[in-house]
Amino acid sequence: MRALVQRVTESRVRIVGQVVGEIGRGLCVLVGVTHGDDLAMAVKLADKVWTLRVFDDADGTMNLGLGETGGQVLVVSQFTLYGDTRKGRRPSWTDAARPEHAEPLCDAFVTALRDLGATVETGVFGADMHVELVNDGPVTLMLEV
C-alpha cells in the first residue's frame, strides 16, 4: 500500500459540486492499493500515518503526530499512485489493485485510523472526485508498507 500524505490547513472532496468530505488542519492522504496488499498492511499504514511527526512542537520543530495535535485526516482512494510511467507516455495501471480488492483495504485503513483516535473524513471510492487542499509548508511525503 502507498499513501501520499500532505500536511494541510484545510482540505475537501467534492463530487458533482457537493462536498462529501472536509477537514481543517491535519493531513490529506491519498491511498493506493496493489495486488499483494492485505489487512495487516492497511493497519500498519494507518499507524504510520497516525504517528508521522510532521506537525510543529512549541519550538517549531516537526516533532508531533496527529494524535498529539488533534488534527484531522481526509482519506481519498487513489489508484493512480500505482501508475507506471517508465515506458511511453500513457501510464499503465496494471500494478493497481482491482476495486473488489482495493476498496475493502481502503475501508480498513480508514477504520484503523479511527480506532487509533483520528477524526477521519473520506471521499467516495471509485467516484470522479475533485480534491481541494491548502498544503501547509508545503509538507508532502510518500509512505509505503
C-alpha atoms as a PDB file:
ATOM      1  CA  MET A   1       0.000   0.000   0.000  1.00  0.00           C
ATOM      2  CA  ARG A   2       1.065   3.548  -0.674  1.00  0.00           C
ATOM      3  CA  ALA A   3      -0.051   6.824   0.809  1.00  0.00           C
ATOM      4  CA  LEU A   4       0.760  10.287  -0.450  1.00  0.00           C
ATOM      5  CA  VAL A   5       0.480  12.387   2.719  1.00  0.00           C
ATOM      6  CA  GLN A   6       0.133  16.154   2.637  1.00  0.00           C
ATOM      7  CA  ARG A   7       0.022  18.369   5.704  1.00  0.00           C
ATOM      8  CA  VAL A   8      -2.841  20.799   5.154  1.00  0.00           C
ATOM      9  CA  THR A   9      -4.555  23.752   6.756  1.00  0.00           C
ATOM     10  CA  GLU A  10      -7.770  22.635   5.036  1.00  0.00           C
ATOM     11  CA  SER A  11      -8.911  20.069   2.501  1.00  0.00           C
ATOM     12  CA  ARG A  12     -12.152  18.867   0.939  1.00  0.00           C
ATOM     13  CA  VAL A  13     -13.543  16.469  -1.645  1.00  0.00           C
ATOM     14  CA  ARG A  14     -16.379  17.395  -3.980  1.00  0.00           C
ATOM     15  CA  ILE A  15     -18.457  15.116  -6.166  1.00  0.00           C
ATOM     16  CA  VAL A  16     -20.615  16.874  -8.744  1.00  0.00           C
ATOM     17  CA  GLY A  17     -20.099  20.120  -6.827  1.00  0.00           C
ATOM     18  CA  GLN A  18     -21.213  18.713  -3.454  1.00  0.00           C
ATOM     19  CA  VAL A  19     -18.758  18.481  -0.558  1.00  0.00           C
ATOM     20  CA  VAL A  20     -18.630  14.861   0.656  1.00  0.00           C
ATOM     21  CA  GLY A  21     -15.642  15.175   2.996  1.00  0.00           C
ATOM     22  CA  GLU A  22     -13.934  18.179   4.577  1.00  0.00           C
ATOM     23  CA  ILE A  23     -11.292  18.823   7.230  1.00  0.00           C
ATOM     24  CA  GLY A  24      -9.408  21.701   8.771  1.00  0.00           C
ATOM     25  CA  ARG A  25      -5.818  21.380   9.991  1.00  0.00           C
ATOM     26  CA  GLY A  26      -4.458  17.875   9.503  1.00  0.00           C
ATOM     27  CA  LEU A  27      -3.463  15.501   6.733  1.00  0.00           C
ATOM     28  CA  CYS A  28      -4.863  14.836   3.280  1.00  0.00           C
ATOM     29  CA  VAL A  29      -3.967  11.219   2.492  1.00  0.00           C
ATOM     30  CA  LEU A  30      -4.249   9.718  -0.984  1.00  0.00           C
ATOM     31  CA  VAL A  31      -4.222   5.902  -0.671  1.00  0.00           C
ATOM     32  CA  GLY A  32      -3.268   3.374  -3.339  1.00  0.00           C
ATOM     33  CA  VAL A  33      -3.557  -0.405  -3.175  1.00  0.00           C
ATOM     34  CA  THR A  34      -1.680  -3.037  -5.187  1.00  0.00           C
ATOM     35  CA  HIS A  35      -2.334  -6.745  -5.697  1.00  0.00           C
ATOM     36  CA  GLY A  36      -0.394  -8.236  -2.779  1.00  0.00           C
ATOM     37  CA  ASP A  37      -1.662  -5.832  -0.130  1.00  0.00           C
ATOM     38  CA  ASP A  38      -3.606  -7.179   2.843  1.00  0.00           C
ATOM     39  CA  LEU A  39      -5.375  -6.135   6.045  1.00  0.00           C
ATOM     40  CA  ALA A  40      -2.172  -6.124   8.102  1.00  0.00           C
ATOM     41  CA  MET A  41      -0.630  -3.646   5.659  1.00  0.00           C
ATOM     42  CA  ALA A  42      -3.664  -1.357   5.910  1.00  0.00           C
ATOM     43  CA  VAL A  43      -3.371  -1.332   9.713  1.00  0.00           C
ATOM     44  CA  LYS A  44       0.392  -0.749   9.568  1.00  0.00           C
ATOM     45  CA  LEU A  45      -0.030   2.144   7.118  1.00  0.00           C
ATOM     46  CA  ALA A  46      -2.697   3.713   9.346  1.00  0.00           C
ATOM     47  CA  ASP A  47      -0.345   3.524  12.336  1.00  0.00           C
ATOM     48  CA  LYS A  48       2.414   5.122  10.269  1.00  0.00           C
ATOM     49  CA  VAL A  49       0.136   7.999   9.255  1.00  0.00           C
ATOM     50  CA  TRP A  50      -1.145   8.440  12.842  1.00  0.00           C
ATOM     51  CA  THR A  51       2.372   8.643  14.313  1.00  0.00           C
ATOM     52  CA  LEU A  52       4.052  10.554  11.467  1.00  0.00           C
ATOM     53  CA  ARG A  53       5.786  13.512  13.121  1.00  0.00           C
ATOM     54  CA  VAL A  54       5.090  16.341  10.687  1.00  0.00           C
ATOM     55  CA  PHE A  55       3.465  18.918  12.971  1.00  0.00           C
ATOM     56  CA  ASP A  56       5.453  21.598  14.787  1.00  0.00           C
ATOM     57  CA  ASP A  57       6.085  21.436  18.507  1.00  0.00           C
ATOM     58  CA  ALA A  58       6.455  24.536  20.720  1.00  0.00           C
ATOM     59  CA  ASP A  59       9.981  25.047  19.365  1.00  0.00           C
ATOM     60  CA  GLY A  60       8.838  24.999  15.737  1.00  0.00           C
ATOM     61  CA  THR A  61      10.325  21.564  15.048  1.00  0.00           C
ATOM     62  CA  MET A  62       8.311  18.915  13.177  1.00  0.00           C
ATOM     63  CA  ASN A  63       8.072  16.600  16.138  1.00  0.00           C
ATOM     64  CA  LEU A  64       4.352  15.892  16.697  1.00  0.00           C
ATOM     65  CA  GLY A  65       1.924  13.415  15.166  1.00  0.00           C
ATOM     66  CA  LEU A  66      -1.811  13.634  14.585  1.00  0.00           C
ATOM     67  CA  GLY A  67      -2.661  12.208  17.999  1.00  0.00           C
ATOM     68  CA  GLU A  68      -0.731  14.966  19.717  1.00  0.00           C
ATOM     69  CA  THR A  69      -2.231  17.817  17.687  1.00  0.00           C
ATOM     70  CA  GLY A  70      -5.891  16.899  17.366  1.00  0.00           C
ATOM     71  CA  GLY A  71      -5.508  17.097  13.600  1.00  0.00           C
ATOM     72  CA  GLN A  72      -7.962  15.554  11.191  1.00  0.00           C
ATOM     73  CA  VAL A  73      -7.485  13.245   8.210  1.00  0.00           C
ATOM     74  CA  LEU A  74      -9.101  13.328   4.774  1.00  0.00           C
ATOM     75  CA  VAL A  75      -8.616   9.952   3.050  1.00  0.00           C
ATOM     76  CA  VAL A  76      -9.087   9.663  -0.709  1.00  0.00           C
ATOM     77  CA  SER A  77      -8.636   6.417  -2.657  1.00  0.00           C
ATOM     78  CA  GLN A  78      -6.157   6.946  -5.492  1.00  0.00           C
ATOM     79  CA  PHE A  79      -5.396   4.021  -7.830  1.00  0.00           C
ATOM     80  CA  THR A  80      -3.122   6.274  -9.900  1.00  0.00           C
ATOM     81  CA  LEU A  81      -0.454   6.047  -7.154  1.00  0.00           C
ATOM     82  CA  TYR A  82       0.380   2.718  -8.803  1.00  0.00           C
ATOM     83  CA  GLY A  83       0.597   4.143 -12.304  1.00  0.00           C
ATOM     84  CA  ASP A  84       3.723   3.012 -14.154  1.00  0.00           C
ATOM     85  CA  THR A  85       5.188   5.659 -16.468  1.00  0.00           C
ATOM     86  CA  ARG A  86       8.542   4.042 -17.265  1.00  0.00           C
ATOM     87  CA  LYS A  87       7.566   3.235 -20.862  1.00  0.00           C
ATOM     88  CA  GLY A  88       5.911   5.566 -23.314  1.00  0.00           C
ATOM     89  CA  ARG A  89       3.573   8.408 -22.476  1.00  0.00           C
ATOM     90  CA  ARG A  90       0.486   6.543 -21.345  1.00  0.00           C
ATOM     91  CA  PRO A  91       0.579   5.260 -17.749  1.00  0.00           C
ATOM     92  CA  SER A  92      -0.009   1.566 -17.164  1.00  0.00           C
ATOM     93  CA  TRP A  93      -2.413   0.747 -14.338  1.00  0.00           C
ATOM     94  CA  THR A  94      -1.587  -2.975 -14.084  1.00  0.00           C
ATOM     95  CA  ASP A  95       0.014  -2.555 -10.642  1.00  0.00           C
ATOM     96  CA  ALA A  96      -3.163  -1.021  -9.189  1.00  0.00           C
ATOM     97  CA  ALA A  97      -5.453  -3.499  -7.448  1.00  0.00           C
ATOM     98  CA  ARG A  98      -8.924  -4.163  -8.828  1.00  0.00           C
ATOM     99  CA  PRO A  99     -11.743  -2.372  -6.974  1.00  0.00           C
ATOM    100  CA  GLU A 100     -13.006  -5.560  -5.297  1.00  0.00           C
ATOM    101  CA  HIS A 101      -9.584  -5.931  -3.624  1.00  0.00           C
ATOM    102  CA  ALA A 102      -8.748  -2.260  -3.115  1.00  0.00           C
ATOM    103  CA  GLU A 103     -11.993  -0.910  -1.643  1.00  0.00           C
ATOM    104  CA  PRO A 104     -12.065  -3.172   1.453  1.00  0.00           C
ATOM    105  CA  LEU A 105      -8.428  -2.285   2.182  1.00  0.00           C
ATOM    106  CA  CYS A 106      -9.109   1.448   1.850  1.00  0.00           C
ATOM    107  CA  ASP A 107     -12.028   0.966   4.245  1.00  0.00           C
ATOM    108  CA  ALA A 108      -9.783  -0.987   6.640  1.00  0.00           C
ATOM    109  CA  PHE A 109      -7.218   1.832   6.533  1.00  0.00           C
ATOM    110  CA  VAL A 110      -9.924   4.352   7.498  1.00  0.00           C
ATOM    111  CA  THR A 111     -11.251   2.083  10.264  1.00  0.00           C
ATOM    112  CA  ALA A 112      -7.745   1.593  11.662  1.00  0.00           C
ATOM    113  CA  LEU A 113      -7.181   5.367  11.761  1.00  0.00           C
ATOM    114  CA  ARG A 114     -10.492   5.850  13.577  1.00  0.00           C
ATOM    115  CA  ASP A 115      -9.604   3.066  16.016  1.00  0.00           C
ATOM    116  CA  LEU A 116      -6.401   4.974  16.825  1.00  0.00           C
ATOM    117  CA  GLY A 117      -8.480   8.060  17.642  1.00  0.00           C
ATOM    118  CA  ALA A 118      -8.325  10.022  14.392  1.00  0.00           C
ATOM    119  CA  THR A 119     -11.189  12.141  13.104  1.00  0.00           C
ATOM    120  CA  VAL A 120     -11.484  10.922   9.510  1.00  0.00           C
ATOM    121  CA  GLU A 121     -13.414  12.188   6.515  1.00  0.00           C
ATOM    122  CA  THR A 122     -13.349  10.397   3.160  1.00  0.00           C
ATOM    123  CA  GLY A 123     -14.080  10.679  -0.494  1.00  0.00           C
ATOM    124  CA  VAL A 124     -16.182   8.038  -2.281  1.00  0.00           C
ATOM    125  CA  PHE A 125     -14.333   5.028  -3.640  1.00  0.00           C
ATOM    126  CA  GLY A 126     -14.327   4.944  -7.438  1.00  0.00           C
ATOM    127  CA  ALA A 127     -16.110   8.290  -7.841  1.00  0.00           C
ATOM    128  CA  ASP A 128     -14.938  11.145 -10.036  1.00  0.00           C
ATOM    129  CA  MET A 129     -13.743  13.454  -7.251  1.00  0.00           C
ATOM    130  CA  HIS A 130     -12.340  16.953  -7.081  1.00  0.00           C
ATOM    131  CA  VAL A 131      -9.876  17.263  -4.225  1.00  0.00           C
ATOM    132  CA  GLU A 132      -9.033  20.705  -2.871  1.00  0.00           C
ATOM    133  CA  LEU A 133      -6.311  21.381  -0.346  1.00  0.00           C
ATOM    134  CA  VAL A 134      -4.070  24.045   1.061  1.00  0.00           C
ATOM    135  CA  ASN A 135      -0.707  22.339   1.566  1.00  0.00           C
ATOM    136  CA  ASP A 136       0.924  23.625   4.744  1.00  0.00           C
ATOM    137  CA  GLY A 137       4.689  24.052   4.438  1.00  0.00           C
ATOM    138  CA  PRO A 138       4.495  22.507   1.894  1.00  0.00           C
ATOM    139  CA  VAL A 139       4.927  19.122   3.517  1.00  0.00           C
ATOM    140  CA  THR A 140       4.319  16.131   1.216  1.00  0.00           C
ATOM    141  CA  LEU A 141       5.592  12.589   1.856  1.00  0.00           C
ATOM    142  CA  MET A 142       5.158   9.212   0.152  1.00  0.00           C
ATOM    143  CA  LEU A 143       4.701   6.332   2.590  1.00  0.00           C
ATOM    144  CA  GLU A 144       4.813   2.688   1.612  1.00  0.00           C
ATOM    145  CA  VAL A 145       4.370  -0.554   3.568  1.00  0.00           C
END
